[in-house]
Amino acid sequence: TAFRFGSQRSGGWRFGNIIGNPPTVAKAVAASAAFPIL
């Protein structure tokens, strides 16, 4: 399923919204760009 980091909220419909400290931009971008083959 989709998992999204957003400036207003982060998470996915299967898990809900992330609470507590917001994720870092570096973490969000690394997750988004982790091409599976590499």
PDB file of all heavy atoms in Angstrom:
ATOM      1  N   THR A   1       0.832  -1.209   0.000  1.00  0.00           N
ATOM      2  CA  THR A   1       0.000   0.000   0.000  1.00  0.00           C
ATOM      3  C   THR A   1       0.863   1.254   0.000  1.00  0.00           C
ATOM      4  O   THR A   1       2.059   1.202   0.316  1.00  0.00           O
ATOM      5  CB  THR A   1      -0.923   0.023   1.231  1.00  0.00           C
ATOM      6  OG1 THR A   1      -0.126  -0.068   2.424  1.00  0.00           O
ATOM      7  CG2 THR A   1      -1.896  -1.134   1.200  1.00  0.00           C
ATOM      8  N   ALA A   2       0.226   2.368  -0.330  1.00  0.00           N
ATOM      9  CA  ALA A   2       0.933   3.651  -0.315  1.00  0.00           C
ATOM     10  C   ALA A   2       1.249   4.054   1.122  1.00  0.00           C
ATOM     11  O   ALA A   2       0.448   3.836   2.034  1.00  0.00           O
ATOM     12  CB  ALA A   2       0.084   4.723  -0.985  1.00  0.00           C
ATOM     13  N   PHE A   3       2.426   4.632   1.294  1.00  0.00           N
ATOM     14  CA  PHE A   3       2.822   5.197   2.587  1.00  0.00           C
ATOM     15  C   PHE A   3       3.395   6.563   2.277  1.00  0.00           C
ATOM     16  O   PHE A   3       4.318   6.689   1.464  1.00  0.00           O
ATOM     17  CB  PHE A   3       3.868   4.325   3.269  1.00  0.00           C
ATOM     18  CG  PHE A   3       4.077   4.657   4.719  1.00  0.00           C
ATOM     19  CD1 PHE A   3       3.432   3.936   5.704  1.00  0.00           C
ATOM     20  CD2 PHE A   3       4.920   5.689   5.102  1.00  0.00           C
ATOM     21  CE1 PHE A   3       3.609   4.229   7.054  1.00  0.00           C
ATOM     22  CE2 PHE A   3       5.103   6.003   6.437  1.00  0.00           C
ATOM     23  CZ  PHE A   3       4.451   5.269   7.419  1.00  0.00           C
ATOM     24  N   ARG A   4       2.825   7.596   2.908  1.00  0.00           N
ATOM     25  CA  ARG A   4       3.189   8.953   2.521  1.00  0.00           C
ATOM     26  C   ARG A   4       3.675   9.767   3.708  1.00  0.00           C
ATOM     27  O   ARG A   4       3.100   9.713   4.795  1.00  0.00           O
ATOM     28  CB  ARG A   4       1.989   9.647   1.865  1.00  0.00           C
ATOM     29  CG  ARG A   4       1.548   8.940   0.581  1.00  0.00           C
ATOM     30  CD  ARG A   4       0.421   9.660  -0.115  1.00  0.00           C
ATOM     31  NE  ARG A   4       0.184   9.062  -1.418  1.00  0.00           N
ATOM     32  CZ  ARG A   4      -0.792   8.196  -1.682  1.00  0.00           C
ATOM     33  NH1 ARG A   4      -1.627   7.843  -0.724  1.00  0.00           N
ATOM     34  NH2 ARG A   4      -0.932   7.697  -2.892  1.00  0.00           N
ATOM     35  N   PHE A   5       4.754  10.505   3.472  1.00  0.00           N
ATOM     36  CA  PHE A   5       5.254  11.471   4.445  1.00  0.00           C
ATOM     37  C   PHE A   5       4.773  12.842   3.985  1.00  0.00           C
ATOM     38  O   PHE A   5       5.070  13.263   2.867  1.00  0.00           O
ATOM     39  CB  PHE A   5       6.777  11.445   4.495  1.00  0.00           C
ATOM     40  CG  PHE A   5       7.349  10.129   4.950  1.00  0.00           C
ATOM     41  CD1 PHE A   5       7.639   9.122   4.040  1.00  0.00           C
ATOM     42  CD2 PHE A   5       7.604   9.899   6.298  1.00  0.00           C
ATOM     43  CE1 PHE A   5       8.182   7.919   4.456  1.00  0.00           C
ATOM     44  CE2 PHE A   5       8.134   8.694   6.729  1.00  0.00           C
ATOM     45  CZ  PHE A   5       8.426   7.697   5.806  1.00  0.00           C
ATOM     46  N   GLY A   6       4.043  13.538   4.833  1.00  0.00           N
ATOM     47  CA  GLY A   6       3.497  14.817   4.434  1.00  0.00           C
ATOM     48  C   GLY A   6       3.782  15.917   5.429  1.00  0.00           C
ATOM     49  O   GLY A   6       3.978  15.664   6.625  1.00  0.00           O
ATOM     50  N   SER A   7       3.790  17.139   4.944  1.00  0.00           N
ATOM     51  CA  SER A   7       4.044  18.280   5.818  1.00  0.00           C
ATOM     52  C   SER A   7       2.897  18.495   6.802  1.00  0.00           C
ATOM     53  O   SER A   7       3.077  19.161   7.823  1.00  0.00           O
ATOM     54  CB  SER A   7       4.257  19.545   4.983  1.00  0.00           C
ATOM     55  OG  SER A   7       3.162  19.775   4.107  1.00  0.00           O
ATOM     56  N   GLN A   8       1.717  17.949   6.506  1.00  0.00           N
ATOM     57  CA  GLN A   8       0.582  18.065   7.424  1.00  0.00           C
ATOM     58  C   GLN A   8       0.300  16.781   8.193  1.00  0.00           C
ATOM     59  O   GLN A   8      -0.145  16.815   9.331  1.00  0.00           O
ATOM     60  CB  GLN A   8      -0.656  18.503   6.649  1.00  0.00           C
ATOM     61  CG  GLN A   8      -0.502  19.906   6.063  1.00  0.00           C
ATOM     62  CD  GLN A   8      -1.779  20.407   5.435  1.00  0.00           C
ATOM     63  OE1 GLN A   8      -2.502  19.662   4.788  1.00  0.00           O
ATOM     64  NE2 GLN A   8      -2.073  21.680   5.620  1.00  0.00           N
ATOM     65  N   ARG A   9       0.524  15.643   7.582  1.00  0.00           N
ATOM     66  CA  ARG A   9       0.448  14.373   8.294  1.00  0.00           C
ATOM     67  C   ARG A   9       1.202  13.318   7.507  1.00  0.00           C
ATOM     68  O   ARG A   9       1.418  13.464   6.301  1.00  0.00           O
ATOM     69  CB  ARG A   9      -1.000  13.929   8.529  1.00  0.00           C
ATOM     70  CG  ARG A   9      -1.775  13.565   7.271  1.00  0.00           C
ATOM     71  CD  ARG A   9      -3.165  13.047   7.653  1.00  0.00           C
ATOM     72  NE  ARG A   9      -4.002  12.833   6.491  1.00  0.00           N
ATOM     73  CZ  ARG A   9      -4.078  11.684   5.815  1.00  0.00           C
ATOM     74  NH1 ARG A   9      -3.311  10.659   6.167  1.00  0.00           N
ATOM     75  NH2 ARG A   9      -4.878  11.567   4.780  1.00  0.00           N
ATOM     76  N   SER A  10       1.579  12.238   8.183  1.00  0.00           N
ATOM     77  CA  SER A  10       2.322  11.150   7.544  1.00  0.00           C
ATOM     78  C   SER A  10       1.718   9.826   7.966  1.00  0.00           C
ATOM     79  O   SER A  10       1.177   9.688   9.074  1.00  0.00           O
ATOM     80  CB  SER A  10       3.796  11.195   7.948  1.00  0.00           C
ATOM     81  OG  SER A  10       4.419  12.399   7.547  1.00  0.00           O
ATOM     82  N   GLY A  11       1.825   8.835   7.094  1.00  0.00           N
ATOM     83  CA  GLY A  11       1.341   7.503   7.408  1.00  0.00           C
ATOM     84  C   GLY A  11       0.713   6.834   6.214  1.00  0.00           C
ATOM     85  O   GLY A  11       0.996   7.168   5.061  1.00  0.00           O
ATOM     86  N   GLY A  12      -0.147   5.869   6.471  1.00  0.00           N
ATOM     87  CA  GLY A  12      -0.846   5.129   5.430  1.00  0.00           C
ATOM     88  C   GLY A  12      -2.160   4.614   5.967  1.00  0.00           C
ATOM     89  O   GLY A  12      -2.335   4.468   7.186  1.00  0.00           O
ATOM     90  N   TRP A  13      -3.095   4.300   5.082  1.00  0.00           N
ATOM     91  CA  TRP A  13      -4.433   3.936   5.543  1.00  0.00           C
ATOM     92  C   TRP A  13      -4.443   2.628   6.317  1.00  0.00           C
ATOM     93  O   TRP A  13      -5.301   2.407   7.179  1.00  0.00           O
ATOM     94  CB  TRP A  13      -5.409   3.893   4.373  1.00  0.00           C
ATOM     95  CG  TRP A  13      -5.226   2.723   3.438  1.00  0.00           C
ATOM     96  CD1 TRP A  13      -4.466   2.688   2.311  1.00  0.00           C
ATOM     97  CD2 TRP A  13      -5.861   1.447   3.525  1.00  0.00           C
ATOM     98  NE1 TRP A  13      -4.556   1.467   1.698  1.00  0.00           N
ATOM     99  CE2 TRP A  13      -5.408   0.675   2.423  1.00  0.00           C
ATOM    100  CE3 TRP A  13      -6.749   0.868   4.426  1.00  0.00           C
ATOM    101  CZ2 TRP A  13      -5.830  -0.638   2.192  1.00  0.00           C
ATOM    102  CZ3 TRP A  13      -7.159  -0.450   4.201  1.00  0.00           C
ATOM    103  CH2 TRP A  13      -6.708  -1.180   3.102  1.00  0.00           C
ATOM    104  N   ARG A  14      -3.459   1.760   6.074  1.00  0.00           N
ATOM    105  CA  ARG A  14      -3.417   0.503   6.825  1.00  0.00           C
ATOM    106  C   ARG A  14      -2.878   0.685   8.241  1.00  0.00           C
ATOM    107  O   ARG A  14      -3.083  -0.175   9.102  1.00  0.00           O
ATOM    108  CB  ARG A  14      -2.540  -0.507   6.070  1.00  0.00           C
ATOM    109  CG  ARG A  14      -3.118  -1.000   4.764  1.00  0.00           C
ATOM    110  CD  ARG A  14      -4.266  -1.965   4.980  1.00  0.00           C
ATOM    111  NE  ARG A  14      -3.834  -3.216   5.575  1.00  0.00           N
ATOM    112  CZ  ARG A  14      -3.454  -4.291   4.899  1.00  0.00           C
ATOM    113  NH1 ARG A  14      -3.451  -4.260   3.568  1.00  0.00           N
ATOM    114  NH2 ARG A  14      -3.088  -5.393   5.504  1.00  0.00           N
ATOM    115  N   PHE A  15      -2.175   1.780   8.488  1.00  0.00           N
ATOM    116  CA  PHE A  15      -1.510   1.969   9.778  1.00  0.00           C
ATOM    117  C   PHE A  15      -2.045   3.157  10.563  1.00  0.00           C
ATOM    118  O   PHE A  15      -1.942   3.198  11.782  1.00  0.00           O
ATOM    119  CB  PHE A  15      -0.003   2.163   9.566  1.00  0.00           C
ATOM    120  CG  PHE A  15       0.648   1.022   8.840  1.00  0.00           C
ATOM    121  CD1 PHE A  15       0.797   1.052   7.461  1.00  0.00           C
ATOM    122  CD2 PHE A  15       1.091  -0.089   9.535  1.00  0.00           C
ATOM    123  CE1 PHE A  15       1.383  -0.002   6.788  1.00  0.00           C
ATOM    124  CE2 PHE A  15       1.678  -1.147   8.875  1.00  0.00           C
ATOM    125  CZ  PHE A  15       1.821  -1.116   7.486  1.00  0.00           C
ATOM    126  N   GLY A  16      -2.589   4.137   9.884  1.00  0.00           N
ATOM    127  CA  GLY A  16      -3.001   5.364  10.534  1.00  0.00           C
ATOM    128  C   GLY A  16      -1.963   6.450  10.353  1.00  0.00           C
ATOM    129  O   GLY A  16      -1.068   6.358   9.495  1.00  0.00           O
ATOM    130  N   ASN A  17      -2.044   7.494  11.185  1.00  0.00           N
ATOM    131  CA  ASN A  17      -1.126   8.625  11.097  1.00  0.00           C
ATOM    132  C   ASN A  17       0.008   8.482  12.092  1.00  0.00           C
ATOM    133  O   ASN A  17      -0.198   8.037  13.227  1.00  0.00           O
ATOM    134  CB  ASN A  17      -1.872   9.937  11.379  1.00  0.00           C
ATOM    135  CG  ASN A  17      -2.938  10.221  10.336  1.00  0.00           C
ATOM    136  OD1 ASN A  17      -2.793   9.849   9.181  1.00  0.00           O
ATOM    137  ND2 ASN A  17      -4.006  10.870  10.758  1.00  0.00           N
ATOM    138  N   ILE A  18       1.211   8.870  11.671  1.00  0.00           N
ATOM    139  CA  ILE A  18       2.353   8.878  12.577  1.00  0.00           C
ATOM    140  C   ILE A  18       2.137   9.955  13.639  1.00  0.00           C
ATOM    141  O   ILE A  18       1.744  11.084  13.324  1.00  0.00           O
ATOM    142  CB  ILE A  18       3.669   9.143  11.813  1.00  0.00           C
ATOM    143  CG1 ILE A  18       3.970   7.966  10.868  1.00  0.00           C
ATOM    144  CG2 ILE A  18       4.827   9.365  12.774  1.00  0.00           C
ATOM    145  CD1 ILE A  18       5.195   8.190   9.990  1.00  0.00           C
ATOM    146  N   ILE A  19       2.379   9.600  14.884  1.00  0.00           N
ATOM    147  CA  ILE A  19       2.261  10.561  15.984  1.00  0.00           C
ATOM    148  C   ILE A  19       3.619  10.688  16.662  1.00  0.00           C
ATOM    149  O   ILE A  19       4.525   9.890  16.444  1.00  0.00           O
ATOM    150  CB  ILE A  19       1.188  10.131  17.008  1.00  0.00           C
ATOM    151  CG1 ILE A  19       1.471   8.724  17.537  1.00  0.00           C
ATOM    152  CG2 ILE A  19      -0.191  10.208  16.390  1.00  0.00           C
ATOM    153  CD1 ILE A  19       0.487   8.269  18.601  1.00  0.00           C
ATOM    154  N   GLY A  20       3.774  11.712  17.473  1.00  0.00           N
ATOM    155  CA  GLY A  20       5.062  11.950  18.113  1.00  0.00           C
ATOM    156  C   GLY A  20       5.927  12.839  17.249  1.00  0.00           C
ATOM    157  O   GLY A  20       5.435  13.690  16.494  1.00  0.00           O
ATOM    158  N   ASN A  21       7.223  12.646  17.336  1.00  0.00           N
ATOM    159  CA  ASN A  21       8.160  13.471  16.573  1.00  0.00           C
ATOM    160  C   ASN A  21       8.001  13.231  15.074  1.00  0.00           C
ATOM    161  O   ASN A  21       8.007  12.081  14.624  1.00  0.00           O
ATOM    162  CB  ASN A  21       9.603  13.175  16.986  1.00  0.00           C
ATOM    163  CG  ASN A  21       9.877  13.558  18.424  1.00  0.00           C
ATOM    164  OD1 ASN A  21       9.303  14.520  18.934  1.00  0.00           O
ATOM    165  ND2 ASN A  21      10.741  12.815  19.096  1.00  0.00           N
ATOM    166  N   PRO A  22       7.869  14.291  14.271  1.00  0.00           N
ATOM    167  CA  PRO A  22       7.748  14.113  12.818  1.00  0.00           C
ATOM    168  C   PRO A  22       9.008  13.475  12.240  1.00  0.00           C
ATOM    169  O   PRO A  22      10.120  13.737  12.700  1.00  0.00           O
ATOM    170  CB  PRO A  22       7.567  15.539  12.297  1.00  0.00           C
ATOM    171  CG  PRO A  22       7.133  16.345  13.485  1.00  0.00           C
ATOM    172  CD  PRO A  22       7.791  15.717  14.668  1.00  0.00           C
ATOM    173  N   PRO A  23       8.884  12.636  11.223  1.00  0.00           N
ATOM    174  CA  PRO A  23      10.052  12.049  10.559  1.00  0.00           C
ATOM    175  C   PRO A  23      10.907  13.129   9.910  1.00  0.00           C
ATOM    176  O   PRO A  23      10.421  14.208   9.561  1.00  0.00           O
ATOM    177  CB  PRO A  23       9.439  11.126   9.506  1.00  0.00           C
ATOM    178  CG  PRO A  23       8.022  10.913   9.941  1.00  0.00           C
ATOM    179  CD  PRO A  23       7.613  12.157  10.652  1.00  0.00           C
ATOM    180  N   THR A  24      12.184  12.837   9.737  1.00  0.00           N
ATOM    181  CA  THR A  24      13.070  13.789   9.064  1.00  0.00           C
ATOM    182  C   THR A  24      12.829  13.759   7.560  1.00  0.00           C
ATOM    183  O   THR A  24      12.345  12.768   7.001  1.00  0.00           O
ATOM    184  CB  THR A  24      14.543  13.469   9.346  1.00  0.00           C
ATOM    185  OG1 THR A  24      14.866  12.191   8.777  1.00  0.00           O
ATOM    186  CG2 THR A  24      14.830  13.476  10.847  1.00  0.00           C
ATOM    187  N   VAL A  25      13.188  14.842   6.902  1.00  0.00           N
ATOM    188  CA  VAL A  25      13.098  14.907   5.445  1.00  0.00           C
ATOM    189  C   VAL A  25      14.001  13.849   4.820  1.00  0.00           C
ATOM    190  O   VAL A  25      13.617  13.174   3.853  1.00  0.00           O
ATOM    191  CB  VAL A  25      13.486  16.315   4.946  1.00  0.00           C
ATOM    192  CG1 VAL A  25      13.495  16.365   3.422  1.00  0.00           C
ATOM    193  CG2 VAL A  25      12.540  17.363   5.507  1.00  0.00           C
ATOM    194  N   ALA A  26      15.201  13.678   5.373  1.00  0.00           N
ATOM    195  CA  ALA A  26      16.143  12.687   4.834  1.00  0.00           C
ATOM    196  C   ALA A  26      15.552  11.290   4.880  1.00  0.00           C
ATOM    197  O   ALA A  26      15.706  10.503   3.936  1.00  0.00           O
ATOM    198  CB  ALA A  26      17.458  12.746   5.609  1.00  0.00           C
ATOM    199  N   LYS A  27      14.870  10.951   5.964  1.00  0.00           N
ATOM    200  CA  LYS A  27      14.259   9.623   6.079  1.00  0.00           C
ATOM    201  C   LYS A  27      13.148   9.449   5.050  1.00  0.00           C
ATOM    202  O   LYS A  27      13.045   8.403   4.391  1.00  0.00           O
ATOM    203  CB  LYS A  27      13.722   9.416   7.497  1.00  0.00           C
ATOM    204  CG  LYS A  27      13.216   7.993   7.771  1.00  0.00           C
ATOM    205  CD  LYS A  27      12.703   7.843   9.183  1.00  0.00           C
ATOM    206  CE  LYS A  27      13.791   8.058  10.210  1.00  0.00           C
ATOM    207  NZ  LYS A  27      14.871   7.045  10.139  1.00  0.00           N
ATOM    208  N   ALA A  28      12.306  10.459   4.911  1.00  0.00           N
ATOM    209  CA  ALA A  28      11.206  10.387   3.954  1.00  0.00           C
ATOM    210  C   ALA A  28      11.723  10.225   2.528  1.00  0.00           C
ATOM    211  O   ALA A  28      11.228   9.386   1.764  1.00  0.00           O
ATOM    212  CB  ALA A  28      10.343  11.646   4.061  1.00  0.00           C
ATOM    213  N   VAL A  29      12.730  11.001   2.166  1.00  0.00           N
ATOM    214  CA  VAL A  29      13.267  10.949   0.806  1.00  0.00           C
ATOM    215  C   VAL A  29      13.986   9.628   0.563  1.00  0.00           C
ATOM    216  O   VAL A  29      13.869   9.033  -0.514  1.00  0.00           O
ATOM    217  CB  VAL A  29      14.190  12.150   0.546  1.00  0.00           C
ATOM    218  CG1 VAL A  29      14.892  12.015  -0.797  1.00  0.00           C
ATOM    219  CG2 VAL A  29      13.395  13.452   0.597  1.00  0.00           C
ATOM    220  N   ALA A  30      14.743   9.139   1.547  1.00  0.00           N
ATOM    221  CA  ALA A  30      15.434   7.855   1.397  1.00  0.00           C
ATOM    222  C   ALA A  30      14.438   6.731   1.177  1.00  0.00           C
ATOM    223  O   ALA A  30      14.647   5.845   0.328  1.00  0.00           O
ATOM    224  CB  ALA A  30      16.300   7.576   2.621  1.00  0.00           C
ATOM    225  N   ALA A  31      13.342   6.733   1.929  1.00  0.00           N
ATOM    226  CA  ALA A  31      12.312   5.709   1.746  1.00  0.00           C
ATOM    227  C   ALA A  31      11.702   5.806   0.354  1.00  0.00           C
ATOM    228  O   ALA A  31      11.515   4.799  -0.337  1.00  0.00           O
ATOM    229  CB  ALA A  31      11.234   5.855   2.809  1.00  0.00           C
ATOM    230  N   SER A  32      11.409   7.016  -0.095  1.00  0.00           N
ATOM    231  CA  SER A  32      10.773   7.231  -1.388  1.00  0.00           C
ATOM    232  C   SER A  32      11.671   6.824  -2.551  1.00  0.00           C
ATOM    233  O   SER A  32      11.189   6.413  -3.604  1.00  0.00           O
ATOM    234  CB  SER A  32      10.386   8.708  -1.531  1.00  0.00           C
ATOM    235  OG  SER A  32       9.822   8.974  -2.795  1.00  0.00           O
ATOM    236  N   ALA A  33      12.994   6.930  -2.356  1.00  0.00           N
ATOM    237  CA  ALA A  33      13.949   6.691  -3.447  1.00  0.00           C
ATOM    238  C   ALA A  33      14.704   5.374  -3.319  1.00  0.00           C
ATOM    239  O   ALA A  33      15.678   5.155  -4.036  1.00  0.00           O
ATOM    240  CB  ALA A  33      14.947   7.850  -3.515  1.00  0.00           C
ATOM    241  N   ALA A  34      14.258   4.485  -2.428  1.00  0.00           N
ATOM    242  CA  ALA A  34      14.955   3.202  -2.229  1.00  0.00           C
ATOM    243  C   ALA A  34      14.549   2.221  -3.329  1.00  0.00           C
ATOM    244  O   ALA A  34      13.739   1.313  -3.119  1.00  0.00           O
ATOM    245  CB  ALA A  34      14.636   2.645  -0.848  1.00  0.00           C
ATOM    246  N   PHE A  35      15.126   2.386  -4.512  1.00  0.00           N
ATOM    247  CA  PHE A  35      14.794   1.545  -5.668  1.00  0.00           C
ATOM    248  C   PHE A  35      15.084   0.087  -5.313  1.00  0.00           C
ATOM    249  O   PHE A  35      16.210  -0.262  -4.954  1.00  0.00           O
ATOM    250  CB  PHE A  35      15.608   1.981  -6.872  1.00  0.00           C
ATOM    251  CG  PHE A  35      15.254   1.259  -8.139  1.00  0.00           C
ATOM    252  CD1 PHE A  35      13.952   1.307  -8.624  1.00  0.00           C
ATOM    253  CD2 PHE A  35      16.208   0.545  -8.843  1.00  0.00           C
ATOM    254  CE1 PHE A  35      13.606   0.637  -9.794  1.00  0.00           C
ATOM    255  CE2 PHE A  35      15.877  -0.121 -10.011  1.00  0.00           C
ATOM    256  CZ  PHE A  35      14.570  -0.079 -10.484  1.00  0.00           C
ATOM    257  N   PRO A  36      14.085  -0.806  -5.405  1.00  0.00           N
ATOM    258  CA  PRO A  36      14.215  -2.152  -4.839  1.00  0.00           C
ATOM    259  C   PRO A  36      15.381  -2.975  -5.364  1.00  0.00           C
ATOM    260  O   PRO A  36      15.975  -3.763  -4.619  1.00  0.00           O
ATOM    261  CB  PRO A  36      12.875  -2.811  -5.223  1.00  0.00           C
ATOM    262  CG  PRO A  36      11.932  -1.685  -5.417  1.00  0.00           C
ATOM    263  CD  PRO A  36      12.746  -0.549  -5.946  1.00  0.00           C
ATOM    264  N   ILE A  37      15.738  -2.813  -6.632  1.00  0.00           N
ATOM    265  CA  ILE A  37      16.817  -3.622  -7.189  1.00  0.00           C
ATOM    266  C   ILE A  37      18.160  -3.238  -6.596  1.00  0.00           C
ATOM    267  O   ILE A  37      19.050  -4.074  -6.437  1.00  0.00           O
ATOM    268  CB  ILE A  37      16.837  -3.489  -8.732  1.00  0.00           C
ATOM    269  CG1 ILE A  37      15.551  -4.084  -9.318  1.00  0.00           C
ATOM    270  CG2 ILE A  37      18.053  -4.182  -9.326  1.00  0.00           C
ATOM    271  CD1 ILE A  37      15.454  -3.948 -10.822  1.00  0.00           C
ATOM    272  N   LEU A  38      18.324  -1.973  -6.218  1.00  0.00           N
ATOM    273  CA  LEU A  38      19.606  -1.478  -5.741  1.00  0.00           C
ATOM    274  C   LEU A  38      19.676  -1.303  -4.233  1.00  0.00           C
ATOM    275  O   LEU A  38      20.749  -1.458  -3.642  1.00  0.00           O
ATOM    276  CB  LEU A  38      19.930  -0.137  -6.422  1.00  0.00           C
ATOM    277  CG  LEU A  38      20.008  -0.146  -7.944  1.00  0.00           C
ATOM    278  CD1 LEU A  38      20.246   1.257  -8.467  1.00  0.00           C
ATOM    279  CD2 LEU A  38      21.119  -1.086  -8.419  1.00  0.00           C
TER     280      LEU A  38
END
